[in-house]
Amino acid sequence: MLRTTRLLQRQARGFHSSAASFIKAGEYLPSVVVQRRSPADTVDVRELFGNVNKAILFGVPGAFTPGCSKTHLPGYINKAEELKTEKGVDLIACVSVNDAFVMNAWSEVNHADGKVELLADSKGELAKALELDFDASGALGNHRCKRFAAIVEHGVVKQLFVEPDKTGLSVSLVENVEKHL
């Protein structure tokens, strides 16, 4: 229902030059299926986050890209234990418009297991439903997810941090997000 409503809202905006209307604080995450370790290992985002008290979902433009691999993901991995024990975060997850095999390999290379769950939005459906997708075909070959972070409680977005330039590294970094927990 929410996804249909958001898609209709998006279509109604048509070619207007107004700013995008991202998912907002107080809204439930959309019911979109993403992949975990393989295309057969799937989970509904709303169900995954609806079953935890407090979570962080952050999105990156692409696995193995410089900013994502050197700064964004490692920051959350390094702070995962502290966020879980001191801030009460039950789940930290990273989503990207990549396939499950790429996300699994990225998890292994970064030793993310048990710290940050990597989710593959292989068709970009979650990014679109959140209205956080953008055309990155010039650099990355297709539409990708804007860099963002969200604090989520029981499936509801409590705070959203979207990089103003889509790919920068400031408001969505763990150092900023942890200040708001």
N, C-alpha and C. Protein backbone atom coordinates (compact mmCIF):
# COMPACT_ATOMS: atom_id res chain seq x y z
N MET A 1 0.83 -1.20 0.00
CA MET A 1 0.00 0.00 0.00
C MET A 1 0.87 1.25 0.00
N LEU A 2 1.81 1.32 0.95
CA LEU A 2 2.69 2.49 1.03
C LEU A 2 3.47 2.66 -0.26
N ARG A 3 4.01 1.54 -0.76
CA ARG A 3 4.79 1.61 -1.99
C ARG A 3 3.94 2.11 -3.14
N THR A 4 2.73 1.59 -3.28
CA THR A 4 1.83 2.03 -4.34
C THR A 4 1.52 3.51 -4.19
N THR A 5 1.25 3.94 -2.98
CA THR A 5 0.96 5.35 -2.73
C THR A 5 2.15 6.21 -3.10
N ARG A 6 3.36 5.78 -2.68
CA ARG A 6 4.56 6.56 -2.96
C ARG A 6 4.84 6.60 -4.47
N LEU A 7 4.60 5.47 -5.17
CA LEU A 7 4.81 5.46 -6.61
C LEU A 7 3.82 6.38 -7.30
N LEU A 8 2.57 6.38 -6.84
CA LEU A 8 1.58 7.29 -7.43
C LEU A 8 1.95 8.74 -7.17
N GLN A 9 2.44 9.02 -5.96
CA GLN A 9 2.88 10.38 -5.65
C GLN A 9 4.03 10.78 -6.58
N ARG A 10 4.95 9.84 -6.79
CA ARG A 10 6.10 10.11 -7.65
C ARG A 10 5.64 10.38 -9.08
N GLN A 11 4.70 9.56 -9.58
CA GLN A 11 4.20 9.75 -10.94
C GLN A 11 3.45 11.07 -11.06
N ALA A 12 2.73 11.44 -10.02
CA ALA A 12 1.96 12.68 -10.06
C ALA A 12 2.87 13.90 -10.15
N ARG A 13 4.06 13.78 -9.58
CA ARG A 13 5.00 14.91 -9.64
C ARG A 13 5.49 15.13 -11.06
N GLY A 14 5.49 14.05 -11.84
CA GLY A 14 5.87 14.14 -13.24
C GLY A 14 7.20 14.84 -13.45
N PHE A 15 7.18 15.90 -14.25
CA PHE A 15 8.40 16.58 -14.61
C PHE A 15 8.63 17.85 -13.81
N HIS A 16 8.02 17.95 -12.66
CA HIS A 16 8.20 19.13 -11.83
C HIS A 16 9.65 19.23 -11.39
N SER A 17 10.11 20.42 -11.18
CA SER A 17 11.50 20.62 -10.78
C SER A 17 11.65 20.70 -9.27
N SER A 18 10.61 20.38 -8.53
CA SER A 18 10.68 20.44 -7.07
C SER A 18 11.60 19.33 -6.55
N ALA A 19 12.07 19.52 -5.32
CA ALA A 19 12.98 18.56 -4.71
C ALA A 19 12.28 17.22 -4.50
N ALA A 20 13.10 16.17 -4.47
CA ALA A 20 12.58 14.83 -4.25
C ALA A 20 11.97 14.72 -2.86
N SER A 21 11.00 13.83 -2.74
CA SER A 21 10.33 13.60 -1.46
C SER A 21 10.74 12.23 -0.94
N PHE A 22 11.84 12.19 -0.20
CA PHE A 22 12.33 10.93 0.34
C PHE A 22 11.35 10.41 1.38
N ILE A 23 11.56 9.16 1.74
CA ILE A 23 10.83 8.62 2.89
C ILE A 23 11.10 9.56 4.06
N LYS A 24 10.14 9.71 4.93
CA LYS A 24 10.26 10.69 6.02
C LYS A 24 10.22 10.01 7.37
N ALA A 25 10.71 10.73 8.36
CA ALA A 25 10.61 10.26 9.74
C ALA A 25 9.13 10.03 10.05
N GLY A 26 8.85 8.92 10.72
CA GLY A 26 7.48 8.56 11.05
C GLY A 26 6.85 7.58 10.08
N GLU A 27 7.49 7.35 8.95
CA GLU A 27 6.96 6.40 7.96
C GLU A 27 7.62 5.03 8.14
N TYR A 28 6.84 3.99 7.84
CA TYR A 28 7.38 2.63 7.85
C TYR A 28 8.29 2.42 6.65
N LEU A 29 9.32 1.62 6.84
CA LEU A 29 10.11 1.20 5.69
C LEU A 29 9.20 0.43 4.75
N PRO A 30 9.45 0.51 3.45
CA PRO A 30 8.57 -0.18 2.50
C PRO A 30 8.76 -1.70 2.55
N SER A 31 7.75 -2.39 2.12
CA SER A 31 7.80 -3.84 2.03
C SER A 31 8.41 -4.20 0.68
N VAL A 32 9.73 -4.35 0.67
CA VAL A 32 10.48 -4.67 -0.53
C VAL A 32 11.41 -5.83 -0.20
N VAL A 33 11.48 -6.79 -1.08
CA VAL A 33 12.34 -7.95 -0.86
C VAL A 33 13.74 -7.65 -1.41
N VAL A 34 14.74 -7.91 -0.56
CA VAL A 34 16.15 -7.78 -0.95
C VAL A 34 16.83 -9.12 -0.71
N GLN A 35 18.05 -9.23 -1.21
CA GLN A 35 18.79 -10.48 -1.09
C GLN A 35 19.87 -10.35 -0.02
N ARG A 36 20.18 -11.49 0.57
CA ARG A 36 21.26 -11.55 1.55
C ARG A 36 22.48 -12.19 0.87
N ARG A 37 22.78 -13.42 1.20
CA ARG A 37 24.00 -14.08 0.70
C ARG A 37 23.90 -14.67 -0.70
N SER A 38 22.67 -14.83 -1.19
CA SER A 38 22.48 -15.38 -2.54
C SER A 38 21.11 -14.92 -3.04
N PRO A 39 20.86 -15.04 -4.33
CA PRO A 39 19.54 -14.65 -4.84
C PRO A 39 18.39 -15.42 -4.20
N ALA A 40 18.65 -16.62 -3.70
CA ALA A 40 17.59 -17.42 -3.07
C ALA A 40 17.39 -17.05 -1.60
N ASP A 41 18.34 -16.36 -1.01
CA ASP A 41 18.28 -15.96 0.40
C ASP A 41 17.73 -14.54 0.46
N THR A 42 16.42 -14.42 0.62
CA THR A 42 15.77 -13.11 0.56
C THR A 42 15.10 -12.75 1.89
N VAL A 43 14.85 -11.47 2.05
CA VAL A 43 14.15 -10.98 3.23
C VAL A 43 13.38 -9.72 2.85
N ASP A 44 12.22 -9.57 3.46
CA ASP A 44 11.42 -8.36 3.28
C ASP A 44 11.94 -7.31 4.24
N VAL A 45 12.30 -6.16 3.74
CA VAL A 45 12.90 -5.10 4.55
C VAL A 45 11.99 -4.67 5.69
N ARG A 46 10.70 -4.51 5.42
CA ARG A 46 9.79 -4.10 6.48
C ARG A 46 9.75 -5.14 7.60
N GLU A 47 9.73 -6.42 7.24
CA GLU A 47 9.73 -7.47 8.26
C GLU A 47 11.05 -7.52 9.02
N LEU A 48 12.17 -7.42 8.32
CA LEU A 48 13.48 -7.47 8.96
C LEU A 48 13.61 -6.37 10.01
N PHE A 49 13.28 -5.16 9.64
CA PHE A 49 13.44 -4.03 10.57
C PHE A 49 12.27 -3.91 11.53
N GLY A 50 11.13 -4.48 11.18
CA GLY A 50 9.98 -4.45 12.07
C GLY A 50 10.14 -5.34 13.29
N ASN A 51 11.07 -6.29 13.20
CA ASN A 51 11.29 -7.24 14.28
C ASN A 51 12.41 -6.83 15.24
N VAL A 52 12.92 -5.62 15.12
CA VAL A 52 13.98 -5.17 16.03
C VAL A 52 13.59 -3.84 16.67
N ASN A 53 14.04 -3.64 17.89
CA ASN A 53 13.72 -2.40 18.60
C ASN A 53 14.38 -1.19 17.96
N LYS A 54 15.70 -1.28 17.73
CA LYS A 54 16.44 -0.14 17.18
C LYS A 54 17.44 -0.65 16.17
N ALA A 55 17.50 0.02 15.03
CA ALA A 55 18.39 -0.39 13.95
C ALA A 55 18.92 0.81 13.20
N ILE A 56 19.99 0.57 12.47
CA ILE A 56 20.53 1.55 11.54
C ILE A 56 20.55 0.89 10.18
N LEU A 57 19.96 1.55 9.20
CA LEU A 57 20.04 1.13 7.80
C LEU A 57 20.79 2.22 7.08
N PHE A 58 21.89 1.85 6.42
CA PHE A 58 22.57 2.84 5.61
C PHE A 58 22.74 2.33 4.20
N GLY A 59 22.70 3.25 3.25
CA GLY A 59 22.78 2.90 1.85
C GLY A 59 23.99 3.53 1.21
N VAL A 60 24.57 2.80 0.27
CA VAL A 60 25.76 3.28 -0.44
C VAL A 60 25.54 3.12 -1.95
N PRO A 61 26.23 3.95 -2.75
CA PRO A 61 26.08 3.85 -4.20
C PRO A 61 26.61 2.54 -4.79
N GLY A 62 27.63 1.94 -4.18
CA GLY A 62 28.15 0.71 -4.74
C GLY A 62 29.19 0.03 -3.89
N ALA A 63 29.09 -1.29 -3.78
CA ALA A 63 30.11 -2.07 -3.09
C ALA A 63 31.43 -1.91 -3.84
N PHE A 64 32.50 -1.93 -3.13
CA PHE A 64 33.86 -1.86 -3.65
C PHE A 64 34.21 -0.51 -4.27
N THR A 65 33.34 0.49 -4.18
CA THR A 65 33.70 1.83 -4.65
C THR A 65 34.52 2.50 -3.56
N PRO A 66 35.36 3.48 -3.90
CA PRO A 66 36.31 4.03 -2.93
C PRO A 66 35.70 4.57 -1.63
N GLY A 67 34.76 5.48 -1.70
CA GLY A 67 34.19 6.05 -0.48
C GLY A 67 33.46 5.03 0.36
N CYS A 68 32.80 4.10 -0.31
CA CYS A 68 32.04 3.05 0.39
C CYS A 68 32.98 2.07 1.09
N SER A 69 34.06 1.72 0.42
CA SER A 69 34.98 0.71 0.93
C SER A 69 36.03 1.24 1.91
N LYS A 70 36.42 2.48 1.73
CA LYS A 70 37.47 3.04 2.59
C LYS A 70 36.92 3.73 3.83
N THR A 71 35.69 4.26 3.74
CA THR A 71 35.18 5.08 4.83
C THR A 71 33.84 4.62 5.37
N HIS A 72 32.84 4.54 4.51
CA HIS A 72 31.46 4.35 4.98
C HIS A 72 31.26 3.01 5.69
N LEU A 73 31.44 1.91 4.97
CA LEU A 73 31.25 0.58 5.57
C LEU A 73 32.22 0.33 6.73
N PRO A 74 33.52 0.59 6.58
CA PRO A 74 34.43 0.35 7.70
C PRO A 74 34.08 1.13 8.97
N GLY A 75 33.54 2.33 8.81
CA GLY A 75 33.14 3.12 9.97
C GLY A 75 32.09 2.40 10.79
N TYR A 76 31.08 1.86 10.13
CA TYR A 76 30.03 1.14 10.84
C TYR A 76 30.54 -0.20 11.39
N ILE A 77 31.41 -0.86 10.66
CA ILE A 77 31.98 -2.12 11.16
C ILE A 77 32.78 -1.85 12.44
N ASN A 78 33.61 -0.83 12.40
CA ASN A 78 34.46 -0.51 13.56
C ASN A 78 33.67 -0.09 14.79
N LYS A 79 32.52 0.51 14.59
CA LYS A 79 31.70 1.00 15.70
C LYS A 79 30.56 0.05 16.07
N ALA A 80 30.43 -1.06 15.36
CA ALA A 80 29.28 -1.95 15.54
C ALA A 80 29.12 -2.41 16.98
N GLU A 81 30.17 -2.90 17.58
CA GLU A 81 30.08 -3.41 18.95
C GLU A 81 29.64 -2.31 19.91
N GLU A 82 30.23 -1.14 19.78
CA GLU A 82 29.88 0.00 20.64
C GLU A 82 28.42 0.41 20.43
N LEU A 83 27.98 0.48 19.19
CA LEU A 83 26.59 0.85 18.90
C LEU A 83 25.61 -0.15 19.50
N LYS A 84 25.99 -1.42 19.46
CA LYS A 84 25.10 -2.46 19.97
C LYS A 84 25.09 -2.49 21.50
N THR A 85 26.24 -2.38 22.13
CA THR A 85 26.29 -2.49 23.59
C THR A 85 25.96 -1.19 24.31
N GLU A 86 26.40 -0.06 23.77
CA GLU A 86 26.22 1.21 24.46
C GLU A 86 25.01 2.01 23.99
N LYS A 87 24.59 1.81 22.76
CA LYS A 87 23.48 2.60 22.20
C LYS A 87 22.21 1.77 21.99
N GLY A 88 22.28 0.48 22.25
CA GLY A 88 21.09 -0.37 22.14
C GLY A 88 20.65 -0.69 20.73
N VAL A 89 21.57 -0.62 19.77
CA VAL A 89 21.24 -0.93 18.38
C VAL A 89 21.25 -2.45 18.21
N ASP A 90 20.15 -2.99 17.71
CA ASP A 90 20.01 -4.43 17.53
C ASP A 90 20.50 -4.90 16.16
N LEU A 91 20.42 -4.03 15.17
CA LEU A 91 20.76 -4.41 13.80
C LEU A 91 21.38 -3.22 13.08
N ILE A 92 22.48 -3.49 12.39
CA ILE A 92 23.08 -2.50 11.49
C ILE A 92 23.13 -3.18 10.13
N ALA A 93 22.55 -2.53 9.13
CA ALA A 93 22.52 -3.12 7.79
C ALA A 93 22.90 -2.08 6.76
N CYS A 94 23.58 -2.55 5.73
CA CYS A 94 23.99 -1.72 4.61
C CYS A 94 23.34 -2.25 3.35
N VAL A 95 22.76 -1.38 2.56
CA VAL A 95 22.12 -1.77 1.31
C VAL A 95 22.79 -1.05 0.14
N SER A 96 22.88 -1.76 -0.97
CA SER A 96 23.43 -1.19 -2.18
C SER A 96 22.77 -1.84 -3.38
N VAL A 97 22.73 -1.11 -4.49
CA VAL A 97 22.21 -1.66 -5.73
C VAL A 97 23.34 -2.48 -6.36
N ASN A 98 23.48 -3.68 -5.87
CA ASN A 98 24.44 -4.66 -6.36
C ASN A 98 23.78 -6.03 -6.22
N ASP A 99 24.37 -7.04 -6.82
CA ASP A 99 23.82 -8.38 -6.67
C ASP A 99 24.32 -9.01 -5.37
N ALA A 100 23.66 -10.09 -4.96
CA ALA A 100 23.98 -10.74 -3.69
C ALA A 100 25.40 -11.27 -3.65
N PHE A 101 25.93 -11.72 -4.76
CA PHE A 101 27.28 -12.27 -4.79
C PHE A 101 28.32 -11.17 -4.53
N VAL A 102 28.10 -10.02 -5.11
CA VAL A 102 29.01 -8.88 -4.88
C VAL A 102 28.94 -8.45 -3.42
N MET A 103 27.72 -8.34 -2.89
CA MET A 103 27.57 -7.91 -1.49
C MET A 103 28.18 -8.94 -0.53
N ASN A 104 28.03 -10.21 -0.84
CA ASN A 104 28.61 -11.25 0.00
C ASN A 104 30.14 -11.16 -0.03
N ALA A 105 30.71 -10.98 -1.21
CA ALA A 105 32.17 -10.84 -1.33
C ALA A 105 32.65 -9.60 -0.59
N TRP A 106 31.90 -8.51 -0.68
CA TRP A 106 32.27 -7.27 0.01
C TRP A 106 32.22 -7.48 1.52
N SER A 107 31.25 -8.22 1.98
CA SER A 107 31.15 -8.55 3.40
C SER A 107 32.37 -9.34 3.86
N GLU A 108 32.74 -10.35 3.08
CA GLU A 108 33.89 -11.19 3.44
C GLU A 108 35.19 -10.39 3.48
N VAL A 109 35.43 -9.58 2.46
CA VAL A 109 36.65 -8.78 2.38
C VAL A 109 36.76 -7.82 3.57
N ASN A 110 35.62 -7.30 4.02
CA ASN A 110 35.61 -6.31 5.11
C ASN A 110 35.34 -6.92 6.48
N HIS A 111 35.20 -8.23 6.56
CA HIS A 111 34.95 -8.92 7.83
C HIS A 111 33.73 -8.32 8.54
N ALA A 112 32.64 -8.20 7.79
CA ALA A 112 31.42 -7.57 8.30
C ALA A 112 30.52 -8.54 9.06
N ASP A 113 30.73 -9.85 8.89
CA ASP A 113 29.86 -10.83 9.55
C ASP A 113 29.72 -10.58 11.04
N GLY A 114 28.47 -10.60 11.50
CA GLY A 114 28.19 -10.38 12.92
C GLY A 114 28.23 -8.92 13.33
N LYS A 115 28.61 -8.05 12.42
CA LYS A 115 28.70 -6.62 12.72
C LYS A 115 27.69 -5.82 11.90
N VAL A 116 27.80 -5.95 10.59
CA VAL A 116 26.92 -5.23 9.66
C VAL A 116 26.37 -6.25 8.66
N GLU A 117 25.06 -6.30 8.53
CA GLU A 117 24.44 -7.19 7.54
C GLU A 117 24.38 -6.46 6.21
N LEU A 118 24.90 -7.08 5.16
CA LEU A 118 24.87 -6.47 3.84
C LEU A 118 23.69 -7.00 3.04
N LEU A 119 22.93 -6.09 2.47
CA LEU A 119 21.70 -6.40 1.73
C LEU A 119 21.86 -5.97 0.28
N ALA A 120 21.52 -6.86 -0.63
CA ALA A 120 21.61 -6.58 -2.06
C ALA A 120 20.25 -6.15 -2.60
N ASP A 121 20.19 -4.92 -3.08
CA ASP A 121 18.99 -4.39 -3.74
C ASP A 121 19.23 -4.53 -5.24
N SER A 122 19.25 -5.77 -5.72
CA SER A 122 19.75 -6.07 -7.06
C SER A 122 19.03 -5.33 -8.19
N LYS A 123 17.78 -5.03 -8.03
CA LYS A 123 17.02 -4.32 -9.08
C LYS A 123 16.80 -2.85 -8.73
N GLY A 124 17.30 -2.42 -7.59
CA GLY A 124 17.11 -1.03 -7.17
C GLY A 124 15.71 -0.73 -6.67
N GLU A 125 14.94 -1.77 -6.36
CA GLU A 125 13.55 -1.56 -5.95
C GLU A 125 13.43 -0.87 -4.60
N LEU A 126 14.31 -1.19 -3.67
CA LEU A 126 14.26 -0.51 -2.37
C LEU A 126 14.66 0.95 -2.53
N ALA A 127 15.72 1.21 -3.26
CA ALA A 127 16.16 2.59 -3.49
C ALA A 127 15.03 3.41 -4.12
N LYS A 128 14.32 2.82 -5.07
CA LYS A 128 13.20 3.52 -5.72
C LYS A 128 12.06 3.74 -4.74
N ALA A 129 11.72 2.71 -3.95
CA ALA A 129 10.61 2.84 -3.01
C ALA A 129 10.90 3.89 -1.94
N LEU A 130 12.17 4.04 -1.57
CA LEU A 130 12.56 5.07 -0.59
C LEU A 130 12.71 6.43 -1.26
N GLU A 131 12.66 6.44 -2.59
CA GLU A 131 12.92 7.62 -3.41
C GLU A 131 14.32 8.14 -3.15
N LEU A 132 15.25 7.21 -3.04
CA LEU A 132 16.66 7.53 -2.83
C LEU A 132 17.51 6.98 -3.96
N ASP A 133 16.92 6.77 -5.13
CA ASP A 133 17.68 6.30 -6.28
C ASP A 133 18.12 7.50 -7.12
N PHE A 134 19.20 7.30 -7.86
CA PHE A 134 19.65 8.35 -8.78
C PHE A 134 20.37 7.69 -9.95
N ASP A 135 20.45 8.41 -11.05
CA ASP A 135 21.08 7.90 -12.26
C ASP A 135 22.59 8.04 -12.13
N ALA A 136 23.26 6.92 -11.95
CA ALA A 136 24.72 6.91 -11.85
C ALA A 136 25.32 6.17 -13.04
N SER A 137 24.58 6.12 -14.14
CA SER A 137 25.02 5.34 -15.30
C SER A 137 26.34 5.84 -15.86
N GLY A 138 26.64 7.10 -15.71
CA GLY A 138 27.90 7.63 -16.22
C GLY A 138 29.11 7.04 -15.53
N ALA A 139 29.01 6.79 -14.23
CA ALA A 139 30.14 6.27 -13.46
C ALA A 139 29.98 4.81 -13.07
N LEU A 140 28.75 4.39 -12.76
CA LEU A 140 28.55 3.05 -12.21
C LEU A 140 27.67 2.15 -13.07
N GLY A 141 27.24 2.64 -14.22
CA GLY A 141 26.54 1.79 -15.17
C GLY A 141 25.03 1.72 -15.08
N ASN A 142 24.44 2.18 -13.98
CA ASN A 142 22.98 2.11 -13.85
C ASN A 142 22.51 3.04 -12.73
N HIS A 143 21.25 2.93 -12.39
CA HIS A 143 20.71 3.69 -11.27
C HIS A 143 21.26 3.08 -9.98
N ARG A 144 21.55 3.93 -9.02
CA ARG A 144 22.10 3.49 -7.74
C ARG A 144 21.36 4.16 -6.60
N CYS A 145 21.76 3.80 -5.40
CA CYS A 145 21.17 4.35 -4.18
C CYS A 145 21.99 5.55 -3.73
N LYS A 146 21.31 6.62 -3.38
CA LYS A 146 22.01 7.76 -2.78
C LYS A 146 22.60 7.30 -1.46
N ARG A 147 23.67 7.94 -1.06
CA ARG A 147 24.27 7.62 0.23
C ARG A 147 23.39 8.21 1.33
N PHE A 148 22.96 7.34 2.26
CA PHE A 148 22.07 7.78 3.33
C PHE A 148 22.27 6.90 4.55
N ALA A 149 21.69 7.32 5.65
CA ALA A 149 21.59 6.50 6.85
C ALA A 149 20.25 6.82 7.50
N ALA A 150 19.66 5.80 8.12
CA ALA A 150 18.38 5.98 8.82
C ALA A 150 18.43 5.26 10.15
N ILE A 151 17.91 5.92 11.16
CA ILE A 151 17.69 5.27 12.45
C ILE A 151 16.25 4.76 12.40
N VAL A 152 16.09 3.47 12.65
CA VAL A 152 14.80 2.81 12.50
C VAL A 152 14.42 2.11 13.80
N GLU A 153 13.19 2.30 14.24
CA GLU A 153 12.68 1.61 15.43
C GLU A 153 11.39 0.88 15.06
N HIS A 154 11.40 -0.44 15.25
CA HIS A 154 10.25 -1.28 14.93
C HIS A 154 9.74 -1.05 13.50
N GLY A 155 10.67 -0.84 12.57
CA GLY A 155 10.31 -0.66 11.17
C GLY A 155 9.95 0.75 10.77
N VAL A 156 9.94 1.68 11.72
CA VAL A 156 9.59 3.08 11.45
C VAL A 156 10.85 3.93 11.43
N VAL A 157 10.98 4.74 10.40
CA VAL A 157 12.13 5.65 10.30
C VAL A 157 11.97 6.73 11.35
N LYS A 158 12.95 6.85 12.22
CA LYS A 158 12.93 7.89 13.25
C LYS A 158 13.71 9.12 12.80
N GLN A 159 14.84 8.88 12.13
CA GLN A 159 15.63 9.98 11.58
C GLN A 159 16.27 9.51 10.29
N LEU A 160 16.38 10.43 9.33
CA LEU A 160 16.95 10.11 8.03
C LEU A 160 18.04 11.13 7.71
N PHE A 161 19.17 10.63 7.25
CA PHE A 161 20.31 11.48 6.91
C PHE A 161 20.70 11.15 5.47
N VAL A 162 20.41 12.06 4.54
CA VAL A 162 20.71 11.85 3.13
C VAL A 162 21.79 12.84 2.71
N GLU A 163 22.81 12.33 2.07
CA GLU A 163 23.89 13.20 1.60
C GLU A 163 23.34 14.18 0.57
N PRO A 164 23.56 15.46 0.77
CA PRO A 164 22.99 16.48 -0.13
C PRO A 164 23.43 16.34 -1.58
N ASP A 165 24.63 15.83 -1.81
CA ASP A 165 25.12 15.68 -3.18
C ASP A 165 25.01 14.24 -3.69
N LYS A 166 24.27 13.41 -2.99
CA LYS A 166 23.98 12.00 -3.32
C LYS A 166 25.07 11.04 -2.91
N THR A 167 26.33 11.43 -2.99
CA THR A 167 27.42 10.47 -2.78
C THR A 167 28.45 10.91 -1.74
N GLY A 168 28.33 12.11 -1.21
CA GLY A 168 29.32 12.62 -0.26
C GLY A 168 29.39 11.80 1.01
N LEU A 169 30.34 12.16 1.84
CA LEU A 169 30.57 11.43 3.09
C LEU A 169 30.55 12.40 4.25
N SER A 170 29.36 12.71 4.73
CA SER A 170 29.26 13.61 5.90
C SER A 170 28.11 13.19 6.80
N VAL A 171 26.87 13.51 6.44
CA VAL A 171 25.74 13.29 7.35
C VAL A 171 25.39 11.83 7.55
N SER A 172 25.77 10.95 6.62
CA SER A 172 25.41 9.54 6.74
C SER A 172 26.48 8.69 7.42
N LEU A 173 27.59 9.29 7.77
CA LEU A 173 28.67 8.56 8.44
C LEU A 173 28.28 8.18 9.85
N VAL A 174 28.86 7.12 10.35
CA VAL A 174 28.54 6.63 11.69
C VAL A 174 28.79 7.69 12.75
N GLU A 175 29.80 8.51 12.58
CA GLU A 175 30.10 9.54 13.58
C GLU A 175 28.96 10.53 13.75
N ASN A 176 28.24 10.82 12.68
CA ASN A 176 27.08 11.70 12.79
C ASN A 176 25.86 10.96 13.33
N VAL A 177 25.60 9.79 12.79
CA VAL A 177 24.40 9.03 13.17
C VAL A 177 24.41 8.69 14.65
N GLU A 178 25.55 8.29 15.19
CA GLU A 178 25.60 7.90 16.61
C GLU A 178 25.26 9.05 17.55
N LYS A 179 25.44 10.27 17.13
CA LYS A 179 25.07 11.44 17.95
C LYS A 179 23.56 11.52 18.16
N HIS A 180 22.80 10.90 17.27
CA HIS A 180 21.33 10.99 17.29
C HIS A 180 20.65 9.76 17.91
N LEU A 181 21.46 8.83 18.37
CA LEU A 181 20.88 7.61 18.98
C LEU A 181 20.52 7.84 20.43
